[in-house]
Amino acid sequence: MIRRDGPIVQKSLAFAIEIIKFCDILSEKKKFIISNQLMKSGTSIGAQVFEAQYSESRLDFIHKMKIAQKEANETLYWLIVCEKMDGVEVQKEISNILNEIIAIISKIIVTSKKNLN
Protein backbone atom coordinates (compact mmCIF):
# COMPACT_ATOMS: atom_id res chain seq x y z
CA MET A 1 0.00 0.00 0.00
CA ILE A 2 1.05 3.60 -0.49
CA ARG A 3 2.76 5.67 2.17
CA ARG A 4 1.10 8.83 3.48
CA ASP A 5 4.04 10.82 2.14
CA GLY A 6 4.04 8.96 -1.20
CA PRO A 7 3.96 10.77 -4.54
CA ILE A 8 0.25 10.17 -5.27
CA VAL A 9 -0.77 11.40 -1.83
CA GLN A 10 1.31 14.56 -2.17
CA LYS A 11 0.28 15.16 -5.80
CA SER A 12 -3.44 14.72 -5.10
CA LEU A 13 -3.20 17.01 -2.05
CA ALA A 14 -1.43 19.72 -4.10
CA PHE A 15 -4.05 19.26 -6.84
CA ALA A 16 -6.89 19.76 -4.34
CA ILE A 17 -5.37 23.08 -3.31
CA GLU A 18 -5.09 24.20 -6.94
CA ILE A 19 -8.70 23.17 -7.59
CA ILE A 20 -9.87 25.17 -4.57
CA LYS A 21 -8.08 28.25 -5.95
CA PHE A 22 -9.58 27.68 -9.41
CA CYS A 23 -13.06 27.22 -7.94
CA ASP A 24 -12.68 30.55 -6.14
CA ILE A 25 -12.08 32.14 -9.55
CA LEU A 26 -15.14 30.37 -10.97
CA SER A 27 -17.24 31.61 -8.07
CA GLU A 28 -16.06 35.17 -8.65
CA LYS A 29 -17.30 34.78 -12.24
CA LYS A 30 -20.64 33.56 -10.85
CA LYS A 31 -20.15 30.04 -12.23
CA PHE A 32 -21.42 28.55 -8.99
CA ILE A 33 -22.79 25.23 -10.25
CA ILE A 34 -19.59 24.34 -12.12
CA SER A 35 -17.50 25.55 -9.18
CA ASN A 36 -19.41 23.35 -6.74
CA GLN A 37 -19.21 20.25 -8.94
CA LEU A 38 -15.51 20.75 -9.62
CA MET A 39 -14.79 21.44 -5.95
CA LYS A 40 -16.48 18.20 -4.88
CA SER A 41 -14.85 15.91 -7.41
CA GLY A 42 -11.45 17.63 -7.46
CA THR A 43 -10.97 17.52 -3.72
CA SER A 44 -12.43 14.03 -3.38
CA ILE A 45 -9.56 12.50 -5.36
CA GLY A 46 -7.04 13.20 -2.62
CA ALA A 47 -9.49 12.32 0.12
CA GLN A 48 -10.03 8.87 -1.41
CA VAL A 49 -6.31 8.33 -1.99
CA PHE A 50 -5.60 9.34 1.61
CA GLU A 51 -8.37 7.11 2.94
CA ALA A 52 -6.96 4.19 0.93
CA GLN A 53 -3.82 4.40 3.07
CA TYR A 54 -5.90 3.05 5.95
CA SER A 55 -7.77 0.37 4.05
CA GLU A 56 -8.67 -2.86 5.78
CA SER A 57 -7.43 -5.14 3.01
CA ARG A 58 -5.88 -5.14 -0.46
CA LEU A 59 -9.38 -5.35 -1.98
CA ASP A 60 -10.54 -2.40 0.11
CA PHE A 61 -7.46 -0.47 -1.02
CA ILE A 62 -8.23 -1.20 -4.69
CA HIS A 63 -11.87 -0.22 -4.18
CA LYS A 64 -10.91 3.16 -2.67
CA MET A 65 -8.39 3.80 -5.44
CA LYS A 66 -11.08 3.02 -8.02
CA ILE A 67 -13.31 5.62 -6.40
CA ALA A 68 -10.40 8.10 -6.60
CA GLN A 69 -10.06 7.21 -10.28
CA LYS A 70 -13.77 7.87 -10.88
CA GLU A 71 -13.53 11.22 -9.09
CA ALA A 72 -10.48 12.11 -11.21
CA ASN A 73 -12.38 11.27 -14.39
CA GLU A 74 -15.34 13.38 -13.26
CA THR A 75 -12.97 16.24 -12.51
CA LEU A 76 -11.53 15.91 -16.00
CA TYR A 77 -15.05 16.20 -17.40
CA TRP A 78 -15.72 19.43 -15.48
CA LEU A 79 -12.39 20.90 -16.56
CA ILE A 80 -13.28 20.15 -20.19
CA VAL A 81 -16.62 21.91 -19.64
CA CYS A 82 -14.72 24.91 -18.25
CA GLU A 83 -12.36 24.94 -21.23
CA LYS A 84 -15.36 25.19 -23.56
CA MET A 85 -16.99 28.06 -21.65
CA ASP A 86 -16.50 31.67 -22.65
CA GLY A 87 -14.66 33.77 -20.11
CA VAL A 88 -13.09 30.84 -18.25
CA GLU A 89 -9.45 29.91 -18.69
CA VAL A 90 -8.19 26.63 -17.27
CA GLN A 91 -4.49 26.74 -16.48
CA LYS A 92 -2.66 24.06 -18.46
CA GLU A 93 -0.82 23.05 -15.29
CA ILE A 94 -4.09 21.97 -13.63
CA SER A 95 -4.95 19.68 -16.55
CA ASN A 96 -1.40 18.32 -16.67
CA ILE A 97 -1.37 17.47 -12.97
CA LEU A 98 -4.76 15.79 -13.26
CA ASN A 99 -3.57 13.68 -16.21
CA GLU A 100 -0.54 12.60 -14.15
CA ILE A 101 -2.79 11.70 -11.22
CA ILE A 102 -5.07 9.63 -13.46
CA ALA A 103 -2.07 7.76 -14.89
CA ILE A 104 -0.57 7.09 -11.46
CA ILE A 105 -3.84 5.89 -9.96
CA SER A 106 -4.46 3.62 -12.96
CA LYS A 107 -0.99 2.10 -12.55
CA ILE A 108 -1.53 1.61 -8.80
CA ILE A 109 -4.81 -0.20 -9.45
CA VAL A 110 -3.27 -2.49 -12.08
CA THR A 111 -0.27 -3.29 -9.88
CA SER A 112 -2.44 -3.88 -6.81
CA LYS A 113 -4.67 -6.28 -8.76
CA LYS A 114 -1.61 -8.24 -9.91
CA ASN A 115 -0.43 -8.53 -6.30
CA LEU A 116 -3.71 -10.11 -5.21
CA ASN A 117 -2.59 -13.53 -6.36
C-alpha atoms as a PDB file:
ATOM      1  CA  MET A   1       0.000   0.000   0.000  1.00  0.00           C
ATOM      2  CA  ILE A   2       1.049   3.601  -0.495  1.00  0.00           C
ATOM      3  CA  ARG A   3       2.763   5.668   2.171  1.00  0.00           C
ATOM      4  CA  ARG A   4       1.101   8.831   3.481  1.00  0.00           C
ATOM      5  CA  ASP A   5       4.039  10.818   2.138  1.00  0.00           C
ATOM      6  CA  GLY A   6       4.040   8.960  -1.197  1.00  0.00           C
ATOM      7  CA  PRO A   7       3.955  10.770  -4.535  1.00  0.00           C
ATOM      8  CA  ILE A   8       0.255  10.167  -5.266  1.00  0.00           C
ATOM      9  CA  VAL A   9      -0.770  11.398  -1.828  1.00  0.00           C
ATOM     10  CA  GLN A  10       1.308  14.560  -2.173  1.00  0.00           C
ATOM     11  CA  LYS A  11       0.278  15.159  -5.802  1.00  0.00           C
ATOM     12  CA  SER A  12      -3.443  14.721  -5.100  1.00  0.00           C
ATOM     13  CA  LEU A  13      -3.197  17.011  -2.054  1.00  0.00           C
ATOM     14  CA  ALA A  14      -1.432  19.715  -4.101  1.00  0.00           C
ATOM     15  CA  PHE A  15      -4.048  19.258  -6.836  1.00  0.00           C
ATOM     16  CA  ALA A  16      -6.886  19.757  -4.345  1.00  0.00           C
ATOM     17  CA  ILE A  17      -5.373  23.075  -3.305  1.00  0.00           C
ATOM     18  CA  GLU A  18      -5.091  24.196  -6.943  1.00  0.00           C
ATOM     19  CA  ILE A  19      -8.699  23.166  -7.588  1.00  0.00           C
ATOM     20  CA  ILE A  20      -9.869  25.169  -4.570  1.00  0.00           C
ATOM     21  CA  LYS A  21      -8.082  28.247  -5.948  1.00  0.00           C
ATOM     22  CA  PHE A  22      -9.583  27.684  -9.411  1.00  0.00           C
ATOM     23  CA  CYS A  23     -13.061  27.219  -7.941  1.00  0.00           C
ATOM     24  CA  ASP A  24     -12.682  30.551  -6.143  1.00  0.00           C
ATOM     25  CA  ILE A  25     -12.082  32.144  -9.546  1.00  0.00           C
ATOM     26  CA  LEU A  26     -15.140  30.372 -10.966  1.00  0.00           C
ATOM     27  CA  SER A  27     -17.245  31.614  -8.066  1.00  0.00           C
ATOM     28  CA  GLU A  28     -16.058  35.174  -8.651  1.00  0.00           C
ATOM     29  CA  LYS A  29     -17.298  34.776 -12.235  1.00  0.00           C
ATOM     30  CA  LYS A  30     -20.635  33.558 -10.849  1.00  0.00           C
ATOM     31  CA  LYS A  31     -20.151  30.039 -12.227  1.00  0.00           C
ATOM     32  CA  PHE A  32     -21.424  28.549  -8.986  1.00  0.00           C
ATOM     33  CA  ILE A  33     -22.789  25.230 -10.253  1.00  0.00           C
ATOM     34  CA  ILE A  34     -19.594  24.343 -12.118  1.00  0.00           C
ATOM     35  CA  SER A  35     -17.502  25.550  -9.180  1.00  0.00           C
ATOM     36  CA  ASN A  36     -19.414  23.349  -6.737  1.00  0.00           C
ATOM     37  CA  GLN A  37     -19.212  20.254  -8.942  1.00  0.00           C
ATOM     38  CA  LEU A  38     -15.515  20.749  -9.616  1.00  0.00           C
ATOM     39  CA  MET A  39     -14.793  21.441  -5.950  1.00  0.00           C
ATOM     40  CA  LYS A  40     -16.482  18.199  -4.878  1.00  0.00           C
ATOM     41  CA  SER A  41     -14.853  15.908  -7.415  1.00  0.00           C
ATOM     42  CA  GLY A  42     -11.454  17.633  -7.461  1.00  0.00           C
ATOM     43  CA  THR A  43     -10.969  17.523  -3.719  1.00  0.00           C
ATOM     44  CA  SER A  44     -12.433  14.031  -3.382  1.00  0.00           C
ATOM     45  CA  ILE A  45      -9.561  12.504  -5.361  1.00  0.00           C
ATOM     46  CA  GLY A  46      -7.039  13.197  -2.624  1.00  0.00           C
ATOM     47  CA  ALA A  47      -9.490  12.320   0.118  1.00  0.00           C
ATOM     48  CA  GLN A  48     -10.035   8.868  -1.408  1.00  0.00           C
ATOM     49  CA  VAL A  49      -6.310   8.332  -1.989  1.00  0.00           C
ATOM     50  CA  PHE A  50      -5.603   9.342   1.607  1.00  0.00           C
ATOM     51  CA  GLU A  51      -8.367   7.115   2.940  1.00  0.00           C
ATOM     52  CA  ALA A  52      -6.958   4.194   0.934  1.00  0.00           C
ATOM     53  CA  GLN A  53      -3.820   4.400   3.066  1.00  0.00           C
ATOM     54  CA  TYR A  54      -5.898   3.053   5.947  1.00  0.00           C
ATOM     55  CA  SER A  55      -7.768   0.371   4.046  1.00  0.00           C
ATOM     56  CA  GLU A  56      -8.668  -2.860   5.780  1.00  0.00           C
ATOM     57  CA  SER A  57      -7.428  -5.140   3.007  1.00  0.00           C
ATOM     58  CA  ARG A  58      -5.879  -5.136  -0.460  1.00  0.00           C
ATOM     59  CA  LEU A  59      -9.376  -5.354  -1.980  1.00  0.00           C
ATOM     60  CA  ASP A  60     -10.540  -2.402   0.111  1.00  0.00           C
ATOM     61  CA  PHE A  61      -7.462  -0.468  -1.024  1.00  0.00           C
ATOM     62  CA  ILE A  62      -8.234  -1.201  -4.685  1.00  0.00           C
ATOM     63  CA  HIS A  63     -11.868  -0.217  -4.179  1.00  0.00           C
ATOM     64  CA  LYS A  64     -10.915   3.161  -2.667  1.00  0.00           C
ATOM     65  CA  MET A  65      -8.391   3.805  -5.440  1.00  0.00           C
ATOM     66  CA  LYS A  66     -11.080   3.015  -8.020  1.00  0.00           C
ATOM     67  CA  ILE A  67     -13.306   5.625  -6.399  1.00  0.00           C
ATOM     68  CA  ALA A  68     -10.403   8.097  -6.599  1.00  0.00           C
ATOM     69  CA  GLN A  69     -10.058   7.211 -10.279  1.00  0.00           C
ATOM     70  CA  LYS A  70     -13.769   7.874 -10.878  1.00  0.00           C
ATOM     71  CA  GLU A  71     -13.527  11.223  -9.094  1.00  0.00           C
ATOM     72  CA  ALA A  72     -10.481  12.112 -11.209  1.00  0.00           C
ATOM     73  CA  ASN A  73     -12.385  11.275 -14.394  1.00  0.00           C
ATOM     74  CA  GLU A  74     -15.343  13.376 -13.256  1.00  0.00           C
ATOM     75  CA  THR A  75     -12.967  16.244 -12.510  1.00  0.00           C
ATOM     76  CA  LEU A  76     -11.526  15.908 -16.000  1.00  0.00           C
ATOM     77  CA  TYR A  77     -15.048  16.203 -17.396  1.00  0.00           C
ATOM     78  CA  TRP A  78     -15.723  19.426 -15.475  1.00  0.00           C
ATOM     79  CA  LEU A  79     -12.392  20.902 -16.565  1.00  0.00           C
ATOM     80  CA  ILE A  80     -13.282  20.147 -20.186  1.00  0.00           C
ATOM     81  CA  VAL A  81     -16.624  21.913 -19.642  1.00  0.00           C
ATOM     82  CA  CYS A  82     -14.718  24.911 -18.249  1.00  0.00           C
ATOM     83  CA  GLU A  83     -12.364  24.939 -21.228  1.00  0.00           C
ATOM     84  CA  LYS A  84     -15.363  25.189 -23.565  1.00  0.00           C
ATOM     85  CA  MET A  85     -16.991  28.056 -21.651  1.00  0.00           C
ATOM     86  CA  ASP A  86     -16.501  31.668 -22.650  1.00  0.00           C
ATOM     87  CA  GLY A  87     -14.661  33.771 -20.106  1.00  0.00           C
ATOM     88  CA  VAL A  88     -13.087  30.836 -18.245  1.00  0.00           C
ATOM     89  CA  GLU A  89      -9.451  29.905 -18.694  1.00  0.00           C
ATOM     90  CA  VAL A  90      -8.189  26.631 -17.269  1.00  0.00           C
ATOM     91  CA  GLN A  91      -4.489  26.737 -16.483  1.00  0.00           C
ATOM     92  CA  LYS A  92      -2.664  24.062 -18.463  1.00  0.00           C
ATOM     93  CA  GLU A  93      -0.824  23.047 -15.286  1.00  0.00           C
ATOM     94  CA  ILE A  94      -4.091  21.969 -13.628  1.00  0.00           C
ATOM     95  CA  SER A  95      -4.945  19.682 -16.546  1.00  0.00           C
ATOM     96  CA  ASN A  96      -1.396  18.319 -16.672  1.00  0.00           C
ATOM     97  CA  ILE A  97      -1.368  17.474 -12.967  1.00  0.00           C
ATOM     98  CA  LEU A  98      -4.763  15.789 -13.260  1.00  0.00           C
ATOM     99  CA  ASN A  99      -3.570  13.683 -16.206  1.00  0.00           C
ATOM    100  CA  GLU A 100      -0.542  12.601 -14.147  1.00  0.00           C
ATOM    101  CA  ILE A 101      -2.794  11.699 -11.219  1.00  0.00           C
ATOM    102  CA  ILE A 102      -5.072   9.630 -13.456  1.00  0.00           C
ATOM    103  CA  ALA A 103      -2.072   7.765 -14.893  1.00  0.00           C
ATOM    104  CA  ILE A 104      -0.567   7.088 -11.457  1.00  0.00           C
ATOM    105  CA  ILE A 105      -3.845   5.891  -9.962  1.00  0.00           C
ATOM    106  CA  SER A 106      -4.459   3.617 -12.958  1.00  0.00           C
ATOM    107  CA  LYS A 107      -0.988   2.102 -12.549  1.00  0.00           C
ATOM    108  CA  ILE A 108      -1.528   1.613  -8.804  1.00  0.00           C
ATOM    109  CA  ILE A 109      -4.812  -0.203  -9.447  1.00  0.00           C
ATOM    110  CA  VAL A 110      -3.270  -2.491 -12.083  1.00  0.00           C
ATOM    111  CA  THR A 111      -0.267  -3.288  -9.884  1.00  0.00           C
ATOM    112  CA  SER A 112      -2.435  -3.878  -6.815  1.00  0.00           C
ATOM    113  CA  LYS A 113      -4.668  -6.280  -8.756  1.00  0.00           C
ATOM    114  CA  LYS A 114      -1.606  -8.240  -9.913  1.00  0.00           C
ATOM    115  CA  ASN A 115      -0.429  -8.531  -6.304  1.00  0.00           C
ATOM    116  CA  LEU A 116      -3.708 -10.113  -5.207  1.00  0.00           C
ATOM    117  CA  ASN A 117      -2.592 -13.534  -6.356  1.00  0.00           C
END
